[in-house]
Amino acid sequence: MGMRTNGRIGVAGVLLAAALPAALLLGGAEAVTSQGVLYRSWIPAAERPQLDLSGSLSTLDGKRVPLRELKGKALLINAWATWCGPCRLEMPYLADLHRRLSKEGLAIAAVSWEEPGAVRTFLEETGADYPFLLLSDPDRILQGRFQVIGLPTTLIVDARGRLALHHVGMYVWNSPEIVSRIRHLLAE
């Protein structure tokens, strides 16, 4: 099964990623796909790899946001696309998670490789008004550096800039289990 088709994520890759069990996200298990890619659940604090937060992304209005400015707070980065069905399905869950935990210190950044105009049009057509930061990554920093191999991909980064979770596929991000896990991360 190919994961990419002409630079876009193949449907089979998205379905494979979405089929990973929810227990993987909540427990300590690992899974390896036929492509040899490791999907891992929550990473214990002592084992978290430091992420390279150099470079910057852009807001939809063109303002540069250096990734290093996002360090110092717990951060959920969600790579998505307007054409990605599972991405669209999980956006309301991310919006609710932001409303619930942003005052406690969680920042959420939704990142797309699409042109900002396409994202703006999507937001206007769907009436979506997401309260979190919508960013553009024209240089595809996330794709290469953070192993974004399928959409949606979500990374949760702790306040020290270390990877706490890497999840590929749609998920209900406002579930009680996730809210509890993130609150624990915010208290670290």
N, C-alpha and C. Protein backbone atom coordinates (compact mmCIF):
# COMPACT_ATOMS: atom_id res chain seq x y z
N MET A 1 0.84 -1.18 0.00
CA MET A 1 0.00 0.00 0.00
C MET A 1 0.88 1.23 0.00
N GLY A 2 0.70 2.11 -0.95
CA GLY A 2 1.48 3.33 -1.00
C GLY A 2 0.90 4.40 -0.10
N MET A 3 1.77 5.18 0.51
CA MET A 3 1.32 6.25 1.38
C MET A 3 1.24 7.58 0.65
N ARG A 4 1.88 7.70 -0.52
CA ARG A 4 1.87 8.97 -1.22
C ARG A 4 1.49 8.75 -2.68
N THR A 5 0.81 9.72 -3.22
CA THR A 5 0.48 9.70 -4.64
C THR A 5 0.68 11.11 -5.16
N ASN A 6 1.68 11.28 -6.02
CA ASN A 6 1.97 12.61 -6.58
C ASN A 6 2.07 13.68 -5.50
N GLY A 7 2.77 13.38 -4.40
CA GLY A 7 2.96 14.37 -3.35
C GLY A 7 1.80 14.46 -2.37
N ARG A 8 0.71 13.79 -2.63
CA ARG A 8 -0.43 13.80 -1.71
C ARG A 8 -0.50 12.46 -1.00
N ILE A 9 -1.12 12.46 0.13
CA ILE A 9 -1.26 11.24 0.90
C ILE A 9 -2.30 10.35 0.23
N GLY A 10 -1.97 9.09 0.02
CA GLY A 10 -2.90 8.16 -0.60
C GLY A 10 -4.03 7.78 0.35
N VAL A 11 -5.18 7.46 -0.20
CA VAL A 11 -6.33 7.08 0.60
C VAL A 11 -6.01 5.86 1.47
N ALA A 12 -5.31 4.90 0.91
CA ALA A 12 -4.96 3.71 1.69
C ALA A 12 -4.13 4.07 2.91
N GLY A 13 -3.23 5.03 2.77
CA GLY A 13 -2.40 5.45 3.90
C GLY A 13 -3.23 6.10 4.99
N VAL A 14 -4.18 6.94 4.60
CA VAL A 14 -5.03 7.60 5.58
C VAL A 14 -5.90 6.57 6.30
N LEU A 15 -6.45 5.61 5.55
CA LEU A 15 -7.28 4.58 6.17
C LEU A 15 -6.47 3.70 7.11
N LEU A 16 -5.26 3.36 6.72
CA LEU A 16 -4.41 2.55 7.58
C LEU A 16 -4.13 3.28 8.88
N ALA A 17 -3.78 4.56 8.79
CA ALA A 17 -3.47 5.33 9.97
C ALA A 17 -4.69 5.48 10.87
N ALA A 18 -5.85 5.71 10.27
CA ALA A 18 -7.07 5.89 11.05
C ALA A 18 -7.50 4.60 11.72
N ALA A 19 -7.06 3.46 11.21
CA ALA A 19 -7.48 2.18 11.77
C ALA A 19 -6.68 1.76 12.99
N LEU A 20 -5.61 2.50 13.33
CA LEU A 20 -4.85 2.13 14.52
C LEU A 20 -5.75 2.23 15.73
N PRO A 21 -5.69 1.27 16.62
CA PRO A 21 -6.62 1.24 17.74
C PRO A 21 -6.44 2.41 18.69
N ALA A 22 -7.56 2.85 19.27
CA ALA A 22 -7.53 3.95 20.23
C ALA A 22 -6.70 3.56 21.44
N ALA A 23 -6.65 2.29 21.77
CA ALA A 23 -5.85 1.84 22.91
C ALA A 23 -4.38 2.19 22.71
N LEU A 24 -3.93 2.21 21.49
CA LEU A 24 -2.54 2.56 21.20
C LEU A 24 -2.26 3.99 21.65
N LEU A 25 -3.21 4.87 21.44
CA LEU A 25 -3.03 6.26 21.81
C LEU A 25 -3.02 6.42 23.32
N LEU A 26 -3.81 5.64 24.02
CA LEU A 26 -3.95 5.82 25.45
C LEU A 26 -2.99 4.98 26.27
N GLY A 27 -2.55 3.87 25.74
CA GLY A 27 -1.68 2.99 26.50
C GLY A 27 -0.23 3.21 26.19
N GLY A 28 0.59 2.20 26.43
CA GLY A 28 2.01 2.32 26.21
C GLY A 28 2.49 1.43 25.09
N ALA A 29 1.61 0.99 24.23
CA ALA A 29 1.96 0.03 23.18
C ALA A 29 2.57 0.71 21.97
N GLU A 30 3.17 -0.09 21.12
CA GLU A 30 3.73 0.39 19.86
C GLU A 30 3.16 -0.46 18.74
N ALA A 31 3.15 0.09 17.53
CA ALA A 31 2.72 -0.67 16.37
C ALA A 31 3.61 -0.31 15.20
N VAL A 32 3.91 -1.26 14.36
CA VAL A 32 4.72 -1.02 13.18
C VAL A 32 3.89 -1.41 11.96
N THR A 33 3.79 -0.50 10.99
CA THR A 33 3.02 -0.78 9.79
C THR A 33 3.86 -1.59 8.82
N SER A 34 3.25 -1.99 7.71
CA SER A 34 3.99 -2.74 6.69
C SER A 34 5.09 -1.88 6.07
N GLN A 35 5.00 -0.55 6.20
CA GLN A 35 6.04 0.33 5.69
C GLN A 35 7.18 0.49 6.69
N GLY A 36 7.06 -0.14 7.88
CA GLY A 36 8.11 -0.06 8.88
C GLY A 36 8.06 1.22 9.70
N VAL A 37 6.98 1.99 9.64
CA VAL A 37 6.88 3.23 10.37
C VAL A 37 6.32 2.94 11.76
N LEU A 38 6.98 3.47 12.76
CA LEU A 38 6.56 3.24 14.14
C LEU A 38 5.53 4.29 14.56
N TYR A 39 4.41 3.85 15.09
CA TYR A 39 3.42 4.73 15.68
C TYR A 39 3.46 4.44 17.17
N ARG A 40 3.62 5.46 17.96
CA ARG A 40 3.81 5.26 19.38
C ARG A 40 2.79 6.08 20.16
N SER A 41 2.41 5.57 21.28
CA SER A 41 1.48 6.28 22.13
C SER A 41 2.22 7.30 22.98
N TRP A 42 1.66 7.70 24.09
CA TRP A 42 2.27 8.68 24.99
C TRP A 42 3.68 8.23 25.36
N ILE A 43 4.61 9.13 25.27
CA ILE A 43 6.00 8.83 25.55
C ILE A 43 6.29 9.28 26.98
N PRO A 44 6.82 8.38 27.81
CA PRO A 44 7.16 8.78 29.19
C PRO A 44 8.14 9.96 29.18
N ALA A 45 8.05 10.84 30.16
CA ALA A 45 8.84 12.07 30.20
C ALA A 45 10.34 11.80 30.05
N ALA A 46 10.84 10.75 30.67
CA ALA A 46 12.28 10.46 30.62
C ALA A 46 12.74 10.01 29.23
N GLU A 47 11.81 9.58 28.37
CA GLU A 47 12.17 9.06 27.05
C GLU A 47 11.83 10.01 25.90
N ARG A 48 11.27 11.16 26.20
CA ARG A 48 10.82 12.08 25.15
C ARG A 48 11.99 12.69 24.39
N PRO A 49 11.96 12.58 23.05
CA PRO A 49 13.02 13.22 22.26
C PRO A 49 12.78 14.72 22.13
N GLN A 50 13.87 15.47 22.16
CA GLN A 50 13.80 16.92 21.95
C GLN A 50 13.51 17.17 20.47
N LEU A 51 12.58 18.07 20.17
CA LEU A 51 12.24 18.40 18.80
C LEU A 51 13.03 19.61 18.33
N ASP A 52 13.33 19.63 17.06
CA ASP A 52 13.99 20.78 16.44
C ASP A 52 12.91 21.81 16.13
N LEU A 53 12.87 22.86 16.92
CA LEU A 53 11.86 23.90 16.75
C LEU A 53 12.43 25.14 16.06
N SER A 54 13.41 24.94 15.19
CA SER A 54 13.94 26.06 14.42
C SER A 54 13.02 26.30 13.22
N GLY A 55 13.14 27.46 12.62
CA GLY A 55 12.31 27.78 11.46
C GLY A 55 11.01 28.43 11.89
N SER A 56 10.19 28.76 10.91
CA SER A 56 8.92 29.41 11.23
C SER A 56 7.84 28.98 10.25
N LEU A 57 6.62 29.17 10.68
CA LEU A 57 5.44 28.93 9.86
C LEU A 57 4.77 30.28 9.65
N SER A 58 3.68 30.32 8.91
CA SER A 58 2.98 31.58 8.64
C SER A 58 1.52 31.47 9.03
N THR A 59 0.98 32.58 9.53
CA THR A 59 -0.46 32.64 9.75
C THR A 59 -1.13 32.76 8.38
N LEU A 60 -2.42 32.67 8.34
CA LEU A 60 -3.14 32.81 7.07
C LEU A 60 -3.00 34.22 6.50
N ASP A 61 -2.66 35.17 7.36
CA ASP A 61 -2.46 36.55 6.93
C ASP A 61 -1.01 36.85 6.57
N GLY A 62 -0.14 35.83 6.61
CA GLY A 62 1.24 36.00 6.20
C GLY A 62 2.21 36.36 7.31
N LYS A 63 1.75 36.50 8.56
CA LYS A 63 2.64 36.82 9.67
C LYS A 63 3.47 35.58 10.01
N ARG A 64 4.80 35.76 10.12
CA ARG A 64 5.69 34.64 10.45
C ARG A 64 5.60 34.32 11.93
N VAL A 65 5.52 33.04 12.26
CA VAL A 65 5.47 32.57 13.64
C VAL A 65 6.64 31.62 13.83
N PRO A 66 7.72 32.09 14.51
CA PRO A 66 8.85 31.20 14.76
C PRO A 66 8.43 30.03 15.66
N LEU A 67 8.79 28.82 15.28
CA LEU A 67 8.43 27.66 16.08
C LEU A 67 8.98 27.76 17.49
N ARG A 68 10.16 28.36 17.66
CA ARG A 68 10.75 28.45 18.99
C ARG A 68 9.88 29.28 19.93
N GLU A 69 9.04 30.20 19.38
CA GLU A 69 8.14 30.98 20.23
C GLU A 69 7.05 30.11 20.84
N LEU A 70 6.81 28.96 20.26
CA LEU A 70 5.77 28.07 20.77
C LEU A 70 6.30 27.20 21.91
N LYS A 71 7.63 27.19 22.10
CA LYS A 71 8.22 26.43 23.19
C LYS A 71 7.91 27.13 24.51
N GLY A 72 7.76 26.36 25.57
CA GLY A 72 7.45 26.94 26.86
C GLY A 72 6.00 26.76 27.24
N LYS A 73 5.23 26.18 26.35
CA LYS A 73 3.84 25.85 26.66
C LYS A 73 3.56 24.49 26.03
N ALA A 74 2.61 23.80 26.56
CA ALA A 74 2.22 22.54 25.94
C ALA A 74 1.56 22.87 24.61
N LEU A 75 1.91 22.13 23.59
CA LEU A 75 1.47 22.45 22.24
C LEU A 75 0.96 21.21 21.54
N LEU A 76 -0.20 21.32 20.91
CA LEU A 76 -0.74 20.28 20.06
C LEU A 76 -0.65 20.81 18.64
N ILE A 77 0.10 20.10 17.79
CA ILE A 77 0.24 20.47 16.38
C ILE A 77 -0.53 19.44 15.57
N ASN A 78 -1.46 19.92 14.76
CA ASN A 78 -2.28 19.04 13.95
C ASN A 78 -2.06 19.37 12.48
N ALA A 79 -1.47 18.43 11.74
CA ALA A 79 -1.28 18.59 10.29
C ALA A 79 -2.55 18.10 9.60
N TRP A 80 -3.12 18.92 8.73
CA TRP A 80 -4.41 18.63 8.11
C TRP A 80 -4.47 19.23 6.71
N ALA A 81 -5.56 18.94 6.02
CA ALA A 81 -5.81 19.53 4.70
C ALA A 81 -7.32 19.68 4.51
N THR A 82 -7.70 20.65 3.70
CA THR A 82 -9.13 20.89 3.46
C THR A 82 -9.79 19.72 2.75
N TRP A 83 -9.03 18.98 1.94
CA TRP A 83 -9.57 17.87 1.16
C TRP A 83 -9.59 16.55 1.95
N CYS A 84 -9.07 16.56 3.16
CA CYS A 84 -8.93 15.34 3.98
C CYS A 84 -10.18 15.15 4.84
N GLY A 85 -10.97 14.14 4.52
CA GLY A 85 -12.21 13.86 5.26
C GLY A 85 -11.99 13.64 6.75
N PRO A 86 -11.07 12.75 7.15
CA PRO A 86 -10.83 12.55 8.59
C PRO A 86 -10.36 13.83 9.29
N CYS A 87 -9.61 14.68 8.58
CA CYS A 87 -9.17 15.96 9.15
C CYS A 87 -10.38 16.83 9.48
N ARG A 88 -11.30 16.89 8.54
CA ARG A 88 -12.51 17.69 8.74
C ARG A 88 -13.32 17.17 9.91
N LEU A 89 -13.40 15.84 10.04
CA LEU A 89 -14.18 15.24 11.12
C LEU A 89 -13.61 15.56 12.49
N GLU A 90 -12.29 15.64 12.62
CA GLU A 90 -11.73 15.86 13.95
C GLU A 90 -11.59 17.34 14.32
N MET A 91 -11.75 18.25 13.38
CA MET A 91 -11.60 19.68 13.69
C MET A 91 -12.52 20.16 14.83
N PRO A 92 -13.80 19.79 14.86
CA PRO A 92 -14.63 20.24 15.98
C PRO A 92 -14.15 19.70 17.34
N TYR A 93 -13.57 18.50 17.35
CA TYR A 93 -13.03 17.96 18.60
C TYR A 93 -11.83 18.78 19.06
N LEU A 94 -10.99 19.19 18.12
CA LEU A 94 -9.84 20.03 18.45
C LEU A 94 -10.30 21.40 18.94
N ALA A 95 -11.34 21.95 18.30
CA ALA A 95 -11.87 23.25 18.72
C ALA A 95 -12.40 23.17 20.15
N ASP A 96 -13.10 22.10 20.46
CA ASP A 96 -13.63 21.93 21.82
C ASP A 96 -12.49 21.75 22.82
N LEU A 97 -11.47 20.97 22.45
CA LEU A 97 -10.31 20.78 23.32
C LEU A 97 -9.64 22.12 23.60
N HIS A 98 -9.50 22.95 22.56
CA HIS A 98 -8.91 24.27 22.75
C HIS A 98 -9.74 25.11 23.72
N ARG A 99 -11.05 25.11 23.53
CA ARG A 99 -11.91 25.89 24.42
C ARG A 99 -11.78 25.42 25.87
N ARG A 100 -11.60 24.12 26.06
CA ARG A 100 -11.54 23.56 27.41
C ARG A 100 -10.18 23.75 28.08
N LEU A 101 -9.09 23.68 27.31
CA LEU A 101 -7.77 23.64 27.94
C LEU A 101 -6.84 24.80 27.61
N SER A 102 -7.24 25.72 26.76
CA SER A 102 -6.32 26.82 26.41
C SER A 102 -6.01 27.69 27.62
N LYS A 103 -6.97 27.91 28.49
CA LYS A 103 -6.73 28.73 29.68
C LYS A 103 -5.83 28.01 30.69
N GLU A 104 -5.71 26.70 30.53
CA GLU A 104 -4.83 25.92 31.40
C GLU A 104 -3.42 25.81 30.83
N GLY A 105 -3.20 26.33 29.60
CA GLY A 105 -1.86 26.37 29.04
C GLY A 105 -1.65 25.58 27.77
N LEU A 106 -2.67 24.96 27.21
CA LEU A 106 -2.51 24.21 25.96
C LEU A 106 -2.69 25.14 24.77
N ALA A 107 -1.71 25.13 23.88
CA ALA A 107 -1.82 25.86 22.61
C ALA A 107 -2.07 24.83 21.51
N ILE A 108 -2.91 25.18 20.55
CA ILE A 108 -3.18 24.29 19.42
C ILE A 108 -2.87 25.03 18.14
N ALA A 109 -2.09 24.38 17.27
CA ALA A 109 -1.77 24.94 15.96
C ALA A 109 -2.16 23.92 14.90
N ALA A 110 -3.05 24.30 14.01
CA ALA A 110 -3.45 23.45 12.88
C ALA A 110 -2.64 23.91 11.68
N VAL A 111 -1.90 23.00 11.08
CA VAL A 111 -0.95 23.36 10.03
C VAL A 111 -1.33 22.66 8.73
N SER A 112 -1.35 23.43 7.64
CA SER A 112 -1.66 22.90 6.32
C SER A 112 -0.58 23.33 5.34
N TRP A 113 -0.36 22.51 4.31
CA TRP A 113 0.57 22.87 3.25
C TRP A 113 -0.14 23.56 2.10
N GLU A 114 -1.43 23.71 2.23
CA GLU A 114 -2.20 24.36 1.18
C GLU A 114 -1.99 25.88 1.19
N GLU A 115 -2.33 26.50 0.10
CA GLU A 115 -2.25 27.95 0.03
C GLU A 115 -3.21 28.55 1.06
N PRO A 116 -2.81 29.63 1.73
CA PRO A 116 -3.69 30.26 2.71
C PRO A 116 -5.07 30.61 2.16
N GLY A 117 -5.14 31.01 0.88
CA GLY A 117 -6.44 31.33 0.27
C GLY A 117 -7.37 30.14 0.25
N ALA A 118 -6.84 28.95 -0.01
CA ALA A 118 -7.66 27.74 -0.03
C ALA A 118 -8.21 27.44 1.37
N VAL A 119 -7.38 27.67 2.39
CA VAL A 119 -7.82 27.43 3.76
C VAL A 119 -8.89 28.45 4.14
N ARG A 120 -8.68 29.73 3.77
CA ARG A 120 -9.67 30.76 4.05
C ARG A 120 -11.00 30.44 3.37
N THR A 121 -10.95 30.01 2.12
CA THR A 121 -12.17 29.63 1.38
C THR A 121 -12.88 28.48 2.08
N PHE A 122 -12.12 27.48 2.51
CA PHE A 122 -12.70 26.35 3.26
C PHE A 122 -13.42 26.84 4.51
N LEU A 123 -12.77 27.72 5.26
CA LEU A 123 -13.37 28.24 6.50
C LEU A 123 -14.65 29.01 6.20
N GLU A 124 -14.64 29.81 5.13
CA GLU A 124 -15.83 30.58 4.76
C GLU A 124 -16.96 29.66 4.31
N GLU A 125 -16.64 28.66 3.49
CA GLU A 125 -17.66 27.75 2.96
C GLU A 125 -18.27 26.88 4.05
N THR A 126 -17.47 26.47 5.02
CA THR A 126 -17.98 25.57 6.06
C THR A 126 -18.51 26.33 7.26
N GLY A 127 -18.23 27.63 7.32
CA GLY A 127 -18.66 28.41 8.48
C GLY A 127 -17.82 28.09 9.71
N ALA A 128 -16.71 27.43 9.51
CA ALA A 128 -15.85 27.04 10.63
C ALA A 128 -15.15 28.27 11.19
N ASP A 129 -15.11 28.35 12.49
CA ASP A 129 -14.43 29.44 13.17
C ASP A 129 -13.61 28.82 14.30
N TYR A 130 -12.49 28.23 13.93
CA TYR A 130 -11.67 27.54 14.91
C TYR A 130 -10.91 28.56 15.74
N PRO A 131 -10.93 28.39 17.06
CA PRO A 131 -10.30 29.37 17.93
C PRO A 131 -8.79 29.22 18.05
N PHE A 132 -8.23 28.20 17.42
CA PHE A 132 -6.79 28.00 17.56
C PHE A 132 -6.04 28.56 16.36
N LEU A 133 -4.72 28.54 16.43
CA LEU A 133 -3.85 29.11 15.42
C LEU A 133 -3.84 28.27 14.16
N LEU A 134 -4.19 28.86 13.03
CA LEU A 134 -4.15 28.19 11.74
C LEU A 134 -2.90 28.66 11.01
N LEU A 135 -2.03 27.72 10.68
CA LEU A 135 -0.73 28.06 10.10
C LEU A 135 -0.52 27.39 8.76
N SER A 136 0.33 28.00 7.96
CA SER A 136 0.71 27.47 6.66
C SER A 136 2.18 27.06 6.74
N ASP A 137 2.53 25.95 6.09
CA ASP A 137 3.89 25.42 6.12
C ASP A 137 4.35 25.18 4.68
N PRO A 138 4.57 26.29 3.92
CA PRO A 138 4.93 26.11 2.52
C PRO A 138 6.26 25.40 2.31
N ASP A 139 7.16 25.47 3.29
CA ASP A 139 8.46 24.79 3.17
C ASP A 139 8.41 23.35 3.66
N ARG A 140 7.24 22.92 4.10
CA ARG A 140 7.02 21.55 4.58
C ARG A 140 8.00 21.14 5.68
N ILE A 141 8.21 22.05 6.61
CA ILE A 141 9.07 21.78 7.75
C ILE A 141 8.55 20.59 8.54
N LEU A 142 7.26 20.61 8.82
CA LEU A 142 6.68 19.53 9.64
C LEU A 142 6.76 18.18 8.96
N GLN A 143 6.47 18.16 7.68
CA GLN A 143 6.43 16.89 6.96
C GLN A 143 7.74 16.13 7.08
N GLY A 144 8.84 16.79 6.83
CA GLY A 144 10.12 16.11 6.88
C GLY A 144 10.66 15.94 8.28
N ARG A 145 10.61 16.99 9.06
CA ARG A 145 11.24 16.98 10.37
C ARG A 145 10.46 16.16 11.40
N PHE A 146 9.14 16.19 11.34
CA PHE A 146 8.33 15.56 12.36
C PHE A 146 7.60 14.31 11.87
N GLN A 147 8.04 13.75 10.75
CA GLN A 147 7.53 12.50 10.21
C GLN A 147 6.02 12.53 10.01
N VAL A 148 5.54 13.55 9.35
CA VAL A 148 4.14 13.63 8.99
C VAL A 148 3.99 12.85 7.69
N ILE A 149 3.50 11.61 7.81
CA ILE A 149 3.41 10.72 6.65
C ILE A 149 1.99 10.42 6.24
N GLY A 150 1.04 10.90 6.99
CA GLY A 150 -0.38 10.69 6.69
C GLY A 150 -1.16 11.82 7.33
N LEU A 151 -2.34 12.05 6.84
CA LEU A 151 -3.19 13.11 7.39
C LEU A 151 -4.47 12.53 7.94
N PRO A 152 -4.92 13.03 9.05
CA PRO A 152 -4.27 14.00 9.91
C PRO A 152 -3.15 13.35 10.74
N THR A 153 -2.18 14.14 11.11
CA THR A 153 -1.13 13.73 12.05
C THR A 153 -1.13 14.76 13.17
N THR A 154 -1.09 14.26 14.40
CA THR A 154 -1.09 15.14 15.55
C THR A 154 0.13 14.86 16.41
N LEU A 155 0.80 15.93 16.79
CA LEU A 155 1.93 15.85 17.70
C LEU A 155 1.56 16.63 18.95
N ILE A 156 1.89 16.08 20.09
CA ILE A 156 1.75 16.84 21.33
C ILE A 156 3.16 17.02 21.88
N VAL A 157 3.50 18.28 22.13
CA VAL A 157 4.84 18.67 22.56
C VAL A 157 4.73 19.22 23.97
N ASP A 158 5.63 18.78 24.86
CA ASP A 158 5.59 19.30 26.22
C ASP A 158 6.21 20.68 26.30
N ALA A 159 6.17 21.30 27.47
CA ALA A 159 6.64 22.67 27.64
C ALA A 159 8.14 22.81 27.41
N ARG A 160 8.89 21.72 27.46
CA ARG A 160 10.33 21.77 27.23
C ARG A 160 10.69 21.50 25.76
N GLY A 161 9.68 21.40 24.90
CA GLY A 161 9.92 21.19 23.47
C GLY A 161 10.21 19.74 23.11
N ARG A 162 9.74 18.82 23.94
CA ARG A 162 9.97 17.39 23.69
C ARG A 162 8.67 16.73 23.23
N LEU A 163 8.81 15.76 22.35
CA LEU A 163 7.65 15.05 21.81
C LEU A 163 7.03 14.14 22.86
N ALA A 164 5.75 14.38 23.18
CA ALA A 164 5.03 13.57 24.14
C ALA A 164 4.10 12.56 23.47
N LEU A 165 3.67 12.87 22.23
CA LEU A 165 2.76 11.99 21.50
C LEU A 165 2.89 12.26 20.01
N HIS A 166 2.88 11.20 19.22
CA HIS A 166 2.84 11.30 17.76
C HIS A 166 1.73 10.35 17.32
N HIS A 167 0.66 10.90 16.75
CA HIS A 167 -0.49 10.07 16.37
C HIS A 167 -0.88 10.37 14.92
N VAL A 168 -1.04 9.33 14.13
CA VAL A 168 -1.48 9.47 12.75
C VAL A 168 -2.90 8.93 12.67
N GLY A 169 -3.80 9.73 12.14
CA GLY A 169 -5.19 9.32 11.99
C GLY A 169 -6.11 10.21 12.79
N MET A 170 -7.38 10.10 12.48
CA MET A 170 -8.39 10.88 13.17
C MET A 170 -8.56 10.38 14.59
N TYR A 171 -8.89 11.30 15.50
CA TYR A 171 -9.14 10.92 16.88
C TYR A 171 -10.12 11.90 17.50
N VAL A 172 -10.83 11.46 18.52
CA VAL A 172 -11.75 12.32 19.26
C VAL A 172 -10.92 13.00 20.36
N TRP A 173 -10.40 14.19 20.04
CA TRP A 173 -9.42 14.86 20.89
C TRP A 173 -10.00 15.48 22.15
N ASN A 174 -11.30 15.50 22.31
CA ASN A 174 -11.88 16.05 23.53
C ASN A 174 -12.45 14.96 24.43
N SER A 175 -12.04 13.71 24.22
CA SER A 175 -12.52 12.61 25.06
C SER A 175 -12.00 12.80 26.49
N PRO A 176 -12.70 12.27 27.48
CA PRO A 176 -12.25 12.41 28.87
C PRO A 176 -10.83 11.88 29.09
N GLU A 177 -10.48 10.78 28.41
CA GLU A 177 -9.14 10.20 28.58
C GLU A 177 -8.06 11.16 28.08
N ILE A 178 -8.28 11.75 26.92
CA ILE A 178 -7.28 12.67 26.35
C ILE A 178 -7.20 13.94 27.18
N VAL A 179 -8.33 14.48 27.59
CA VAL A 179 -8.33 15.69 28.42
C VAL A 179 -7.53 15.42 29.70
N SER A 180 -7.73 14.26 30.30
CA SER A 180 -7.00 13.89 31.51
C SER A 180 -5.50 13.79 31.25
N ARG A 181 -5.13 13.12 30.15
CA ARG A 181 -3.71 12.98 29.80
C ARG A 181 -3.05 14.34 29.56
N ILE A 182 -3.75 15.21 28.84
CA ILE A 182 -3.18 16.53 28.55
C ILE A 182 -3.08 17.37 29.82
N ARG A 183 -4.08 17.28 30.69
CA ARG A 183 -4.00 18.00 31.97
C ARG A 183 -2.79 17.51 32.78
N HIS A 184 -2.52 16.22 32.75
CA HIS A 184 -1.34 15.68 33.42
C HIS A 184 -0.08 16.28 32.82
N LEU A 185 -0.04 16.35 31.49
CA LEU A 185 1.12 16.93 30.79
C LEU A 185 1.29 18.41 31.17
N LEU A 186 0.19 19.14 31.27
CA LEU A 186 0.26 20.56 31.62
C LEU A 186 0.77 20.76 33.04
N ALA A 187 0.55 19.77 33.90
CA ALA A 187 0.99 19.88 35.31
C ALA A 187 2.45 19.49 35.50
N GLU A 188 3.09 18.91 34.47
CA GLU A 188 4.50 18.47 34.60
C GLU A 188 5.42 19.65 34.81
